[in-house]
Every structure is written in C-alpha cells, then in structure tokens.
C-alpha atoms as a PDB file:
ATOM      1  CA  MET A   1     182.749  55.088   6.241  1.00  0.00           C
ATOM      2  CA  GLU A   2     179.004  54.938   6.618  1.00  0.00           C
ATOM      3  CA  THR A   3     179.440  54.500  10.303  1.00  0.00           C
ATOM      4  CA  ASN A   4     181.711  57.292  11.184  1.00  0.00           C
ATOM      5  CA  ASN A   5     179.184  59.671   9.494  1.00  0.00           C
ATOM      6  CA  ASN A   6     176.601  58.336  11.675  1.00  0.00           C
ATOM      7  CA  ASN A   7     178.483  59.001  14.630  1.00  0.00           C
ATOM      8  CA  GLN A   8     179.196  62.718  13.533  1.00  0.00           C
ATOM      9  CA  GLN A   9     175.637  63.171  13.185  1.00  0.00           C
ATOM     10  CA  ASN A  10     174.479  61.667  16.385  1.00  0.00           C
ATOM     11  CA  ASN A  11     177.046  63.961  17.642  1.00  0.00           C
ATOM     12  CA  ILE A  12     175.556  67.098  16.110  1.00  0.00           C
ATOM     13  CA  GLN A  13     171.887  66.085  16.981  1.00  0.00           C
ATOM     14  CA  GLN A  14     172.933  65.444  20.748  1.00  0.00           C
ATOM     15  CA  PRO A  15     174.119  68.822  21.749  1.00  0.00           C
ATOM     16  CA  ASP A  16     170.863  70.329  19.954  1.00  0.00           C
ATOM     17  CA  MET A  17     168.536  68.260  22.024  1.00  0.00           C
ATOM     18  CA  GLU A  18     170.559  69.072  24.962  1.00  0.00           C
ATOM     19  CA  LYS A  19     170.035  72.708  23.944  1.00  0.00           C
ATOM     20  CA  GLN A  20     166.083  72.563  23.630  1.00  0.00           C
ATOM     21  CA  GLU A  21     166.099  70.659  27.143  1.00  0.00           C
ATOM     22  CA  MET A  22     167.823  73.458  28.604  1.00  0.00           C
ATOM     23  CA  GLN A  23     165.619  76.066  26.860  1.00  0.00           C
ATOM     24  CA  ILE A  24     162.567  74.097  28.371  1.00  0.00           C
ATOM     25  CA  SER A  25     164.064  73.914  31.997  1.00  0.00           C
ATOM     26  CA  ASP A  26     164.478  77.406  32.051  1.00  0.00           C
ATOM     27  CA  GLU A  27     160.869  78.632  31.630  1.00  0.00           C
ATOM     28  CA  PRO A  28     158.794  78.753  35.083  1.00  0.00           C
ATOM     29  CA  VAL A  29     156.375  75.749  35.709  1.00  0.00           C
ATOM     30  CA  ILE A  30     153.151  76.716  37.083  1.00  0.00           C
ATOM     31  CA  ILE A  31     151.163  74.236  38.876  1.00  0.00           C
ATOM     32  CA  ILE A  32     147.232  75.184  39.231  1.00  0.00           C
ATOM     33  CA  GLU A  33     145.574  73.228  42.173  1.00  0.00           C
ATOM     34  CA  ARG A  34     141.623  72.893  41.886  1.00  0.00           C
ATOM     35  CA  VAL A  35     140.340  73.962  45.021  1.00  0.00           C
ATOM     36  CA  ALA A  36     137.097  72.180  46.381  1.00  0.00           C
ATOM     37  CA  GLU A  37     134.140  74.519  46.385  1.00  0.00           C
ATOM     38  CA  PRO A  38     133.038  75.096  50.153  1.00  0.00           C
ATOM     39  CA  THR A  39     129.959  73.382  51.162  1.00  0.00           C
ATOM     40  CA  ASP A  40     127.536  73.826  54.087  1.00  0.00           C
ATOM     41  CA  ARG A  41     127.743  70.749  55.495  1.00  0.00           C
ATOM     42  CA  VAL A  42     129.741  70.236  59.098  1.00  0.00           C
ATOM     43  CA  VAL A  43     131.348  67.406  60.051  1.00  0.00           C
ATOM     44  CA  THR A  44     131.943  66.606  63.609  1.00  0.00           C
ATOM     45  CA  ILE A  45     134.626  64.083  64.582  1.00  0.00           C
ATOM     46  CA  GLY A  46     133.562  62.024  67.517  1.00  0.00           C
ATOM     47  CA  VAL A  47     135.976  60.730  69.957  1.00  0.00           C
ATOM     48  CA  ASP A  48     136.374  57.330  68.219  1.00  0.00           C
ATOM     49  CA  GLY A  49     136.975  59.599  64.751  1.00  0.00           C
ATOM     50  CA  VAL A  50     133.163  58.431  63.871  1.00  0.00           C
ATOM     51  CA  ASP A  51     131.484  61.339  62.477  1.00  0.00           C
ATOM     52  CA  ALA A  52     129.018  62.714  65.129  1.00  0.00           C
ATOM     53  CA  PRO A  53     125.213  63.558  64.059  1.00  0.00           C
ATOM     54  CA  SER A  54     125.666  66.701  61.851  1.00  0.00           C
ATOM     55  CA  HIS A  55     121.892  68.369  63.011  1.00  0.00           C
ATOM     56  CA  PRO A  56     121.220  67.582  66.971  1.00  0.00           C
ATOM     57  CA  ASN A  57     117.736  67.323  67.845  1.00  0.00           C
ATOM     58  CA  ARG A  58     116.815  71.305  68.428  1.00  0.00           C
ATOM     59  CA  LYS A  59     113.151  71.092  68.314  1.00  0.00           C
ATOM     60  CA  TRP A  60     113.107  70.629  72.036  1.00  0.00           C
ATOM     61  CA  ALA A  61     115.221  73.534  72.373  1.00  0.00           C
ATOM     62  CA  TRP A  62     112.962  75.789  70.540  1.00  0.00           C
ATOM     63  CA  LEU A  63     109.900  74.550  72.250  1.00  0.00           C
ATOM     64  CA  SER A  64     111.398  75.272  75.465  1.00  0.00           C
ATOM     65  CA  VAL A  65     112.491  79.010  74.439  1.00  0.00           C
ATOM     66  CA  ALA A  66     108.833  79.472  73.178  1.00  0.00           C
ATOM     67  CA  ILE A  67     107.254  78.256  76.504  1.00  0.00           C
ATOM     68  CA  VAL A  68     109.422  80.504  78.405  1.00  0.00           C
ATOM     69  CA  VAL A  69     108.398  83.412  76.123  1.00  0.00           C
ATOM     70  CA  ALA A  70     104.961  82.266  76.300  1.00  0.00           C
ATOM     71  CA  ALA A  71     104.958  82.322  80.025  1.00  0.00           C
ATOM     72  CA  LEU A  72     106.309  85.820  80.117  1.00  0.00           C
ATOM     73  CA  ILE A  73     103.884  87.386  78.031  1.00  0.00           C
ATOM     74  CA  ILE A  74     101.342  85.905  80.067  1.00  0.00           C
ATOM     75  CA  ALA A  75     102.820  87.054  83.458  1.00  0.00           C
ATOM     76  CA  GLY A  76     103.426  90.544  82.091  1.00  0.00           C
ATOM     77  CA  ALA A  77      99.703  90.868  80.765  1.00  0.00           C
ATOM     78  CA  MET A  78      98.493  89.643  84.288  1.00  0.00           C
ATOM     79  CA  TRP A  79     100.773  91.884  86.192  1.00  0.00           C
ATOM     80  CA  TYR A  80      99.562  94.896  83.880  1.00  0.00           C
ATOM     81  CA  ARG A  81      95.904  94.256  84.654  1.00  0.00           C
ATOM     82  CA  TRP A  82      96.528  93.993  88.167  1.00  0.00           C
ATOM     83  CA  TYR A  83      98.410  97.231  88.059  1.00  0.00           C
ATOM     84  CA  TYR A  84      95.724  99.168  85.875  1.00  0.00           C
ATOM     85  CA  HIS A  85      92.814  97.920  87.877  1.00  0.00           C
ATOM     86  CA  ARG A  86      94.574  98.652  91.244  1.00  0.00           C
ATOM     87  CA  TYR A  87      96.259 101.860  90.494  1.00  0.00           C
ATOM     88  CA  VAL A  88      95.003 103.366  87.220  1.00  0.00           C
ATOM     89  CA  ASP A  89      91.521 102.597  86.904  1.00  0.00           C
ATOM     90  CA  VAL A  90      90.161 102.214  90.524  1.00  0.00           C
ATOM     91  CA  GLY A  91      86.404 102.094  89.304  1.00  0.00           C
ATOM     92  CA  VAL A  92      85.413 105.913  89.987  1.00  0.00           C
ATOM     93  CA  PRO A  93      86.298 108.888  88.469  1.00  0.00           C
ATOM     94  CA  ILE A  94      89.196 111.028  90.172  1.00  0.00           C
ATOM     95  CA  SER A  95      88.454 114.847  90.696  1.00  0.00           C
ATOM     96  CA  ARG A  96      92.191 115.658  91.175  1.00  0.00           C
ATOM     97  CA  THR A  97      95.330 113.784  91.072  1.00  0.00           C
ATOM     98  CA  PRO A  98      97.899 113.165  93.674  1.00  0.00           C
ATOM     99  CA  GLN A  99     100.071 115.447  91.361  1.00  0.00           C
ATOM    100  CA  GLU A 100      97.400 118.075  91.502  1.00  0.00           C
ATOM    101  CA  ILE A 101      97.418 117.823  95.172  1.00  0.00           C
ATOM    102  CA  VAL A 102     100.959 118.179  95.650  1.00  0.00           C
ATOM    103  CA  ALA A 103     100.886 120.998  93.535  1.00  0.00           C
ATOM    104  CA  LEU A 104      97.927 122.879  95.858  1.00  0.00           C
ATOM    105  CA  PHE A 105     100.245 122.440  99.122  1.00  0.00           C
ATOM    106  CA  ASN A 106     102.515 124.958  97.092  1.00  0.00           C
ATOM    107  CA  PRO A 107     100.482 128.196  95.977  1.00  0.00           C
ATOM    108  CA  SER A 108     101.552 131.340  94.930  1.00  0.00           C
ATOM    109  CA  ASP A 109     102.711 133.601  97.819  1.00  0.00           C
ATOM    110  CA  SER A 110      99.254 135.438  97.745  1.00  0.00           C
ATOM    111  CA  VAL A 111      97.193 132.155  98.127  1.00  0.00           C
ATOM    112  CA  ALA A 112      99.176 131.246 100.962  1.00  0.00           C
ATOM    113  CA  ASP A 113      98.806 134.858 102.572  1.00  0.00           C
ATOM    114  CA  ALA A 114      94.919 134.348 102.158  1.00  0.00           C
ATOM    115  CA  LYS A 115      95.004 130.727 103.460  1.00  0.00           C
ATOM    116  CA  LYS A 116      96.869 131.841 106.686  1.00  0.00           C
ATOM    117  CA  LYS A 117      94.829 134.995 107.156  1.00  0.00           C
ATOM    118  CA  THR A 118      91.219 132.857 106.905  1.00  0.00           C
ATOM    119  CA  LYS A 119      89.912 132.930 110.605  1.00  0.00           C
ATOM    120  CA  ALA A 120      90.404 130.137 112.348  1.00  0.00           C
ATOM    121  CA  GLU A 121      86.960 128.576 113.502  1.00  0.00           C
ATOM    122  CA  VAL A 122      84.533 125.689 113.012  1.00  0.00           C
ATOM    123  CA  ILE A 123      81.215 126.832 111.487  1.00  0.00           C
ATOM    124  CA  VAL A 124      78.415 124.368 112.486  1.00  0.00           C
ATOM    125  CA  THR A 125      75.292 123.453 110.558  1.00  0.00           C
ATOM    126  CA  HIS A 126      72.332 121.019 110.658  1.00  0.00           C
ATOM    127  CA  ASP A 127      71.018 119.208 107.703  1.00  0.00           C
ATOM    128  CA  SER A 128      68.770 116.449 106.425  1.00  0.00           C
ATOM    129  CA  ILE A 129      69.057 114.788 103.002  1.00  0.00           C
ATOM    130  CA  LEU A 130      67.717 111.713 101.375  1.00  0.00           C
ATOM    131  CA  GLY A 131      66.417 111.001 104.951  1.00  0.00           C
ATOM    132  CA  VAL A 132      69.792 111.378 106.619  1.00  0.00           C
ATOM    133  CA  SER A 133      70.224 113.826 109.235  1.00  0.00           C
ATOM    134  CA  MET A 134      73.651 115.238 109.623  1.00  0.00           C
ATOM    135  CA  ASP A 135      75.767 117.701 111.691  1.00  0.00           C
ATOM    136  CA  LEU A 136      78.312 119.290 109.285  1.00  0.00           C
ATOM    137  CA  TYR A 137      81.384 120.832 110.524  1.00  0.00           C
ATOM    138  CA  GLU A 138      83.149 123.137 108.441  1.00  0.00           C
ATOM    139  CA  LEU A 139      87.192 123.327 109.261  1.00  0.00           C
ATOM    140  CA  ARG A 140      88.325 126.861 108.346  1.00  0.00           C
ATOM    141  CA  GLY A 141      91.735 128.588 108.808  1.00  0.00           C
ATOM    142  CA  LEU A 142      92.883 125.526 110.757  1.00  0.00           C
ATOM    143  CA  ARG A 143      96.391 123.577 110.938  1.00  0.00           C
ATOM    144  CA  GLY A 144      95.886 119.954 110.823  1.00  0.00           C
ATOM    145  CA  GLU A 145      98.089 117.173 111.694  1.00  0.00           C
ATOM    146  CA  VAL A 146      97.984 113.315 113.097  1.00  0.00           C
ATOM    147  CA  VAL A 147      98.863 112.647 116.427  1.00  0.00           C
ATOM    148  CA  MET A 148      99.488 109.554 118.150  1.00  0.00           C
ATOM    149  CA  GLN A 149      98.126 111.253 121.946  1.00  0.00           C
ATOM    150  CA  GLU A 150      94.755 111.837 122.274  1.00  0.00           C
ATOM    151  CA  PRO A 151      94.430 115.987 122.761  1.00  0.00           C
ATOM    152  CA  ASP A 152      93.775 116.872 126.439  1.00  0.00           C
ATOM    153  CA  THR A 153      90.311 118.278 126.850  1.00  0.00           C
ATOM    154  CA  LEU A 154      91.802 121.528 128.440  1.00  0.00           C
ATOM    155  CA  ASP A 155      93.920 122.133 125.240  1.00  0.00           C
ATOM    156  CA  THR A 156      92.283 125.576 124.153  1.00  0.00           C
ATOM    157  CA  ASP A 157      94.597 125.503 121.018  1.00  0.00           C
ATOM    158  CA  VAL A 158      92.803 122.397 119.791  1.00  0.00           C
ATOM    159  CA  MET A 159      89.509 123.699 118.032  1.00  0.00           C
ATOM    160  CA  PHE A 160      88.798 119.980 116.581  1.00  0.00           C
ATOM    161  CA  TYR A 161      89.935 116.553 116.858  1.00  0.00           C
ATOM    162  CA  SER A 162      88.617 112.965 116.159  1.00  0.00           C
ATOM    163  CA  ARG A 163      89.788 109.518 114.924  1.00  0.00           C
ATOM    164  CA  CYS A 164      91.189 109.186 111.845  1.00  0.00           C
ATOM    165  CA  ALA A 165      93.036 105.906 110.590  1.00  0.00           C
ATOM    166  CA  ASP A 166      91.949 102.473 111.678  1.00  0.00           C
ATOM    167  CA  TYR A 167      94.156  99.948 113.127  1.00  0.00           C
ATOM    168  CA  GLU A 168      94.888  96.108 112.828  1.00  0.00           C
ATOM    169  CA  LYS A 169      93.992  93.399 115.420  1.00  0.00           C
ATOM    170  CA  ASP A 170      97.947  93.516 115.983  1.00  0.00           C
ATOM    171  CA  ASP A 171      97.776  97.208 116.598  1.00  0.00           C
ATOM    172  CA  LYS A 172      99.368  98.426 113.259  1.00  0.00           C
ATOM    173  CA  PRO A 173      97.743 101.176 111.605  1.00  0.00           C
ATOM    174  CA  ILE A 174      95.675 100.329 108.388  1.00  0.00           C
ATOM    175  CA  GLY A 175      97.166 102.499 105.188  1.00  0.00           C
ATOM    176  CA  SER A 176      99.919 104.570 105.192  1.00  0.00           C
ATOM    177  CA  LEU A 177     100.314 106.696 108.191  1.00  0.00           C
ATOM    178  CA  VAL A 178     102.299 110.101 108.600  1.00  0.00           C
ATOM    179  CA  SER A 179     102.550 111.919 111.945  1.00  0.00           C
ATOM    180  CA  LYS A 180     104.322 115.355 111.702  1.00  0.00           C
ATOM    181  CA  GLY A 181     106.748 114.119 108.729  1.00  0.00           C
ATOM    182  CA  GLN A 182     107.637 110.576 110.292  1.00  0.00           C
ATOM    183  CA  LEU A 183     106.468 107.808 108.310  1.00  0.00           C
ATOM    184  CA  ILE A 184     104.851 105.641 110.858  1.00  0.00           C
ATOM    185  CA  ARG A 185     103.732 102.494 108.193  1.00  0.00           C
ATOM    186  CA  GLU A 186     103.562 102.257 104.158  1.00  0.00           C
ATOM    187  CA  ASP A 187     100.376 100.492 102.888  1.00  0.00           C
ATOM    188  CA  ASP A 188      98.035 101.910 100.128  1.00  0.00           C
ATOM    189  CA  ASN A 189      95.257  99.221 100.950  1.00  0.00           C
ATOM    190  CA  ARG A 190      93.087 101.806 101.171  1.00  0.00           C
ATOM    191  CA  LEU A 191      91.832 104.301  98.310  1.00  0.00           C
ATOM    192  CA  GLY A 192      90.946 107.508 100.218  1.00  0.00           C
ATOM    193  CA  TYR A 193      93.611 109.550 101.963  1.00  0.00           C
ATOM    194  CA  CYS A 194      94.273 112.969 103.698  1.00  0.00           C
ATOM    195  CA  GLY A 195      97.071 115.058 103.695  1.00  0.00           C
ATOM    196  CA  MET A 196      97.825 117.625 105.839  1.00  0.00           C
ATOM    197  CA  VAL A 197     100.708 120.368 105.979  1.00  0.00           C
ATOM    198  CA  GLY A 198     100.442 123.445 107.678  1.00  0.00           C
ATOM    199  CA  HIS A 199      97.168 125.391 107.606  1.00  0.00           C
ATOM    200  CA  LYS A 200      96.570 123.451 104.337  1.00  0.00           C
ATOM    201  CA  THR A 201      94.319 119.961 104.580  1.00  0.00           C
ATOM    202  CA  TYR A 202      93.274 117.964 101.241  1.00  0.00           C
ATOM    203  CA  ILE A 203      91.532 114.581 100.426  1.00  0.00           C
ATOM    204  CA  GLY A 204      91.833 112.815  97.556  1.00  0.00           C
ATOM    205  CA  ILE A 205      91.162 109.240  96.169  1.00  0.00           C
ATOM    206  CA  SER A 206      94.131 107.334  94.680  1.00  0.00           C
ATOM    207  CA  ARG A 207      96.762 104.593  95.683  1.00  0.00           C
ATOM    208  CA  TYR A 208      99.511 106.620  94.278  1.00  0.00           C
ATOM    209  CA  GLU A 209     101.749 108.090  97.582  1.00  0.00           C
ATOM    210  CA  ASP A 210     103.132 111.404  95.835  1.00  0.00           C
ATOM    211  CA  VAL A 211     100.874 113.153  98.803  1.00  0.00           C
ATOM    212  CA  ARG A 212     102.057 110.870 101.426  1.00  0.00           C
ATOM    213  CA  ASP A 213     106.029 111.158 100.211  1.00  0.00           C
ATOM    214  CA  TYR A 214     105.405 115.062 100.058  1.00  0.00           C
ATOM    215  CA  CYS A 215     104.150 115.297 103.639  1.00  0.00           C
ATOM    216  CA  VAL A 216     107.216 113.025 104.667  1.00  0.00           C
ATOM    217  CA  GLU A 217     109.438 115.684 103.387  1.00  0.00           C
ATOM    218  CA  ALA A 218     107.618 118.880 104.319  1.00  0.00           C
ATOM    219  CA  GLY A 219     106.949 117.559 107.961  1.00  0.00           C
ATOM    220  CA  GLY A 220     103.285 117.142 107.441  1.00  0.00           C
ATOM    221  CA  SER A 221     100.794 114.286 108.167  1.00  0.00           C
ATOM    222  CA  PHE A 222      98.448 111.530 105.939  1.00  0.00           C
ATOM    223  CA  PHE A 223      96.575 108.867 106.640  1.00  0.00           C
ATOM    224  CA  ARG A 224      94.107 106.517 104.662  1.00  0.00           C
ATOM    225  CA  GLN A 225      90.632 105.644 104.655  1.00  0.00           C
ATOM    226  CA  PHE A 226      87.760 103.969 103.054  1.00  0.00           C
ATOM    227  CA  ILE A 227      86.375 105.998  99.823  1.00  0.00           C
ATOM    228  CA  LEU A 228      82.684 107.164 100.324  1.00  0.00           C
ATOM    229  CA  VAL A 229      82.597 109.538  97.249  1.00  0.00           C
ATOM    230  CA  SER A 230      84.805 110.546  94.481  1.00  0.00           C
ATOM    231  CA  GLY A 231      84.402 113.294  91.711  1.00  0.00           C
ATOM    232  CA  GLY A 232      80.442 113.142  92.596  1.00  0.00           C
ATOM    233  CA  GLU A 233      80.186 109.585  92.288  1.00  0.00           C
ATOM    234  CA  LEU A 234      79.634 106.241  94.740  1.00  0.00           C
ATOM    235  CA  PRO A 235      82.083 103.459  94.445  1.00  0.00           C
ATOM    236  CA  PRO A 236      80.991 100.616  92.890  1.00  0.00           C
ATOM    237  CA  ARG A 237      80.760  98.383  96.206  1.00  0.00           C
ATOM    238  CA  PHE A 238      81.406  99.341 100.097  1.00  0.00           C
ATOM    239  CA  HIS A 239      83.181  97.183 102.526  1.00  0.00           C
ATOM    240  CA  LEU A 240      81.544  98.030 105.578  1.00  0.00           C
ATOM    241  CA  HIS A 241      78.200  96.936 106.131  1.00  0.00           C
ATOM    242  CA  GLY A 242      75.432  97.570 109.410  1.00  0.00           C
ATOM    243  CA  LYS A 243      73.780 100.188 110.594  1.00  0.00           C
ATOM    244  CA  VAL A 244      75.908 102.622 113.138  1.00  0.00           C
ATOM    245  CA  GLU A 245      76.515 105.905 113.401  1.00  0.00           C
ATOM    246  CA  ARG A 246      78.774 107.402 110.410  1.00  0.00           C
ATOM    247  CA  ARG A 247      81.437 109.957 109.960  1.00  0.00           C
ATOM    248  CA  ALA A 248      83.397 111.288 107.161  1.00  0.00           C
ATOM    249  CA  LEU A 249      85.617 114.065 106.053  1.00  0.00           C
ATOM    250  CA  ALA A 250      84.470 115.717 102.423  1.00  0.00           C
ATOM    251  CA  ARG A 251      85.284 118.723 100.556  1.00  0.00           C
ATOM    252  CA  THR A 252      82.479 120.807  98.243  1.00  0.00           C
ATOM    253  CA  ALA A 253      83.229 121.996  94.698  1.00  0.00           C
ATOM    254  CA  ASP A 254      84.610 125.296  96.045  1.00  0.00           C
ATOM    255  CA  ASP A 255      87.194 123.367  98.235  1.00  0.00           C
ATOM    256  CA  ARG A 256      85.707 123.556 101.352  1.00  0.00           C
ATOM    257  CA  LEU A 257      86.588 121.152 104.080  1.00  0.00           C
ATOM    258  CA  PHE A 258      83.824 119.539 106.278  1.00  0.00           C
ATOM    259  CA  TYR A 259      83.399 117.246 109.191  1.00  0.00           C
ATOM    260  CA  VAL A 260      80.420 115.060 108.883  1.00  0.00           C
ATOM    261  CA  GLN A 261      78.570 113.179 111.206  1.00  0.00           C
ATOM    262  CA  THR A 262      75.300 111.101 111.359  1.00  0.00           C
ATOM    263  CA  LEU A 263      72.788 112.035 114.092  1.00  0.00           C
ATOM    264  CA  TYR A 264      71.322 108.192 113.704  1.00  0.00           C
ATOM    265  CA  PRO A 265      72.380 104.839 112.755  1.00  0.00           C
ATOM    266  CA  GLU A 266      73.084 104.985 109.012  1.00  0.00           C
ATOM    267  CA  VAL A 267      74.215 102.124 106.355  1.00  0.00           C
ATOM    268  CA  MET A 268      77.170 103.174 104.417  1.00  0.00           C
ATOM    269  CA  THR A 269      75.728 103.215 101.039  1.00  0.00           C
ATOM    270  CA  GLY A 270      72.693 105.748 102.450  1.00  0.00           C
ATOM    271  CA  PHE A 271      75.392 107.641 103.962  1.00  0.00           C
ATOM    272  CA  ALA A 272      77.461 108.094 100.856  1.00  0.00           C
ATOM    273  CA  ASP A 273      74.626 108.673  99.108  1.00  0.00           C
ATOM    274  CA  ALA A 274      73.357 111.216 101.118  1.00  0.00           C
ATOM    275  CA  LEU A 275      76.767 113.223 100.838  1.00  0.00           C
ATOM    276  CA  ARG A 276      76.875 112.947  97.246  1.00  0.00           C
ATOM    277  CA  GLU A 277      73.398 114.323  96.940  1.00  0.00           C
ATOM    278  CA  TYR A 278      74.329 117.324  99.512  1.00  0.00           C
ATOM    279  CA  GLY A 279      77.088 118.200  97.109  1.00  0.00           C
ATOM    280  CA  PHE A 280      80.524 117.142  98.434  1.00  0.00           C
ATOM    281  CA  ILE A 281      82.928 116.052  95.585  1.00  0.00           C
ATOM    282  CA  ASP A 282      85.015 113.810  97.473  1.00  0.00           C
ATOM    283  CA  ALA A 283      84.392 112.019 100.847  1.00  0.00           C
ATOM    284  CA  ILE A 284      86.492 109.518 102.697  1.00  0.00           C
ATOM    285  CA  TYR A 285      85.208 107.818 105.809  1.00  0.00           C
ATOM    286  CA  ILE A 286      86.273 108.409 109.375  1.00  0.00           C
ATOM    287  CA  THR A 287      86.159 105.690 112.068  1.00  0.00           C
ATOM    288  CA  GLY A 288      84.711 105.635 115.609  1.00  0.00           C
ATOM    289  CA  GLY A 289      81.286 106.498 114.860  1.00  0.00           C
ATOM    290  CA  THR A 290      80.271 107.288 118.463  1.00  0.00           C
ATOM    291  CA  ASP A 291      84.038 107.619 120.071  1.00  0.00           C
ATOM    292  CA  TYR A 292      84.650 111.066 122.108  1.00  0.00           C
ATOM    293  CA  CYS A 293      85.757 114.172 120.441  1.00  0.00           C
ATOM    294  CA  TYR A 294      85.051 117.491 120.436  1.00  0.00           C
ATOM    295  CA  TYR A 295      85.260 120.945 118.893  1.00  0.00           C
ATOM    296  CA  ARG A 296      85.416 124.663 120.133  1.00  0.00           C
ATOM    297  CA  SER A 297      83.504 127.584 119.244  1.00  0.00           C
ATOM    298  CA  THR A 298      84.730 130.986 118.575  1.00  0.00           C
ATOM    299  CA  ASP A 299      84.317 131.844 122.127  1.00  0.00           C
ATOM    300  CA  GLY A 300      86.729 129.365 122.921  1.00  0.00           C
ATOM    301  CA  GLN A 301      83.892 126.771 124.500  1.00  0.00           C
ATOM    302  CA  ARG A 302      84.511 123.411 124.260  1.00  0.00           C
ATOM    303  CA  HIS A 303      81.327 120.993 123.090  1.00  0.00           C
ATOM    304  CA  ASP A 304      81.453 117.396 123.403  1.00  0.00           C
ATOM    305  CA  LEU A 305      81.061 114.902 120.387  1.00  0.00           C
ATOM    306  CA  GLY A 306      80.291 111.114 121.123  1.00  0.00           C
ATOM    307  CA  ASP A 307      80.414 109.106 124.208  1.00  0.00           C
ATOM    308  CA  ILE A 308      82.062 111.429 126.777  1.00  0.00           C
ATOM    309  CA  ALA A 309      83.000 108.122 128.691  1.00  0.00           C
ATOM    310  CA  CYS A 310      85.188 106.821 126.186  1.00  0.00           C
ATOM    311  CA  TYR A 311      87.632 109.690 126.997  1.00  0.00           C
ATOM    312  CA  PRO A 312      90.470 108.703 127.175  1.00  0.00           C
ATOM    313  CA  HIS A 313      90.426 106.122 124.725  1.00  0.00           C
ATOM    314  CA  LYS A 314      91.784 102.484 126.023  1.00  0.00           C
ATOM    315  CA  LYS A 315      94.001 102.130 122.884  1.00  0.00           C
ATOM    316  CA  ALA A 316      96.409 105.007 124.252  1.00  0.00           C
ATOM    317  CA  GLY A 317      99.299 105.395 121.949  1.00  0.00           C
ATOM    318  CA  ILE A 318      97.751 103.056 119.308  1.00  0.00           C
ATOM    319  CA  VAL A 319      94.946 104.855 117.776  1.00  0.00           C
ATOM    320  CA  PRO A 320      95.746 108.054 115.518  1.00  0.00           C
ATOM    321  CA  TRP A 321      94.133 110.991 115.976  1.00  0.00           C
ATOM    322  CA  MET A 322      93.682 113.996 113.395  1.00  0.00           C
ATOM    323  CA  VAL A 323      93.711 117.388 115.157  1.00  0.00           C
ATOM    324  CA  PHE A 324      93.077 120.842 114.303  1.00  0.00           C
ATOM    325  CA  ARG A 325      94.341 123.598 115.757  1.00  0.00           C
ATOM    326  CA  LYS A 326      94.272 127.325 115.864  1.00  0.00           C
ATOM    327  CA  LYS A 327      98.015 127.755 114.914  1.00  0.00           C
END
C-alpha cells in the first residue's frame, strides 16, 4: 500500500515540475556580453602574422619637413630683400612714380590743348655752375620719338635730335626700348627712363615698366639710361668714370624739359652735382658726348653740335636716336 501511495505522489509532483519548467522556458532569455573598451593601440599585422612596429621612425620625416620649410622661408626672405632693393628702395627719392607719369600722359582736355598750342621751339642758354660750363636747350612744344634711323640734316621738321640709349657689344640696346609703339627690347637694367607720346615727353626714375607699357599701347617711344639726379638728390654711386664731354636730359620743378651738354670734359659726379645745383629735379644720362647732332632755331637754321665728321653714324640701324619734331 505504501508503495502505491509513493508512486501516486511522484506522479502528482512530476506534472507540477514539468509545468514549472514550461513556465521558465517561456520567459525570454537575455544574454549581455561585455564589450572591450577601445584602445589607442594600433596593431599592424605583418605578412607572416607577426606584429609590425606600432610607431615607425617619424623623426626623420618631421626633420625633413622642417628643413624644407626653413629653406622656403630663407629663400622667400632673400627674394623679398632683392626685390625691395631693386624695385622699391632704389637708393634715391622718387619725385613721381611711373603711375603718376602715366596719368600725366592723359591730362584734361584743356591741358592737352595748351600743350599742343605751345610754340614748337628750342630755346638755347649758356651757363656755368660749380665750375661746369653747360649749354642748355629747352625743348618746348615738340613731338618726341625714338627712331632707329638717323635723321637727315635736310629734314626741316626735325628741331632737335641726339643719341639716347646705349647698345651692347652684340648690338642689342641696353634697357627697354620702344620705337613708335614697337617693343624692341625688354630690360629694366637702368633706373632712368624717358617716355614720349605725342607732344608729351617725361623722364623718371624707376625699374617698374608701367610707362614703357603705356608707350607701347599708345604708339609712343621709350628708352632707359643711367640716373644722374632723382628727386633733387644724387645717387649713391655712378657707373661711368673718367673725364669726357657729358650730356643729359633733365627737368625742372615746373616741368620744363632740357637737353644739357658740357662744353668741356667732366667727371660724372661733377656733372650730376652741377645739374642738381642748377635746380633740376630729375636728370638721366645721354650717351655720345661728342657724337654729331643738331638743333634748329626758330628761323629754321640748323646748328651743328658735336663732331660733324661722325655723321652719318657708322652704326646705322643699330644706334637708337631720340628725335624732336615740330609736328
């Protein structure tokens, strides 16, 4: 009897346990996995599965970059120094900039008309200062141009002509040169310059080529030469030495243009100092101290300057000439 009772109890408990198991298995099972915290360490696997070095030797790369940057900074500083002293600080004051001179080529109509109505003439004076004897030719109301062919002595339209730019041993002109709007040479080798457009001629001191470019566009002429006086001061040094007859193109404070030549041989420093003392604000050198040239008085009479035996010049077609005409 006892055995039977035990069996019955077991049978009764078994369903209860199965029921509990059923209840437990019906509930969702949530599994929480622990995620590893990120690490800054980067492991590079080599070809053979061996860890490659985590930090390659970067100091040489940074050193190379630093050297390149330093070299660029030094090169930039050297270039700026060269540019500043060649184009900005040329060692003398500048009385007017190339941009201001370009503006003078485009004055108001009233000023332009007054220029055209100015009587075309060459006014000659003689003077001496600081022991330097000079002939001064004021060029008034004349149309200036640079030509490659020396004018004829019988051309009555020519009121004055002379040498202007120098040329090298290979017959190339020294300095930028423009003839009647044609650009013959680009070269900022010399600081002084002269621009001519119509009846307007201006001289200045600068390596910038704004005036040259304007002369090309306007069909004018342009040449470069050594500086003698700038802003009423002499340059720190002169490139020509010795004692020879000297010539120059100079302007006064009231913007009158003069061609000046010495009567006797002079050193460049003495000639430039005489020009400054005489009152010229700017002056540029004109080559050919004894080369032949001429001017005409108002009566049409030709007056020879220099050595007539040098006419015509042996470097025909190579030597640039500045010519001033009536019209």
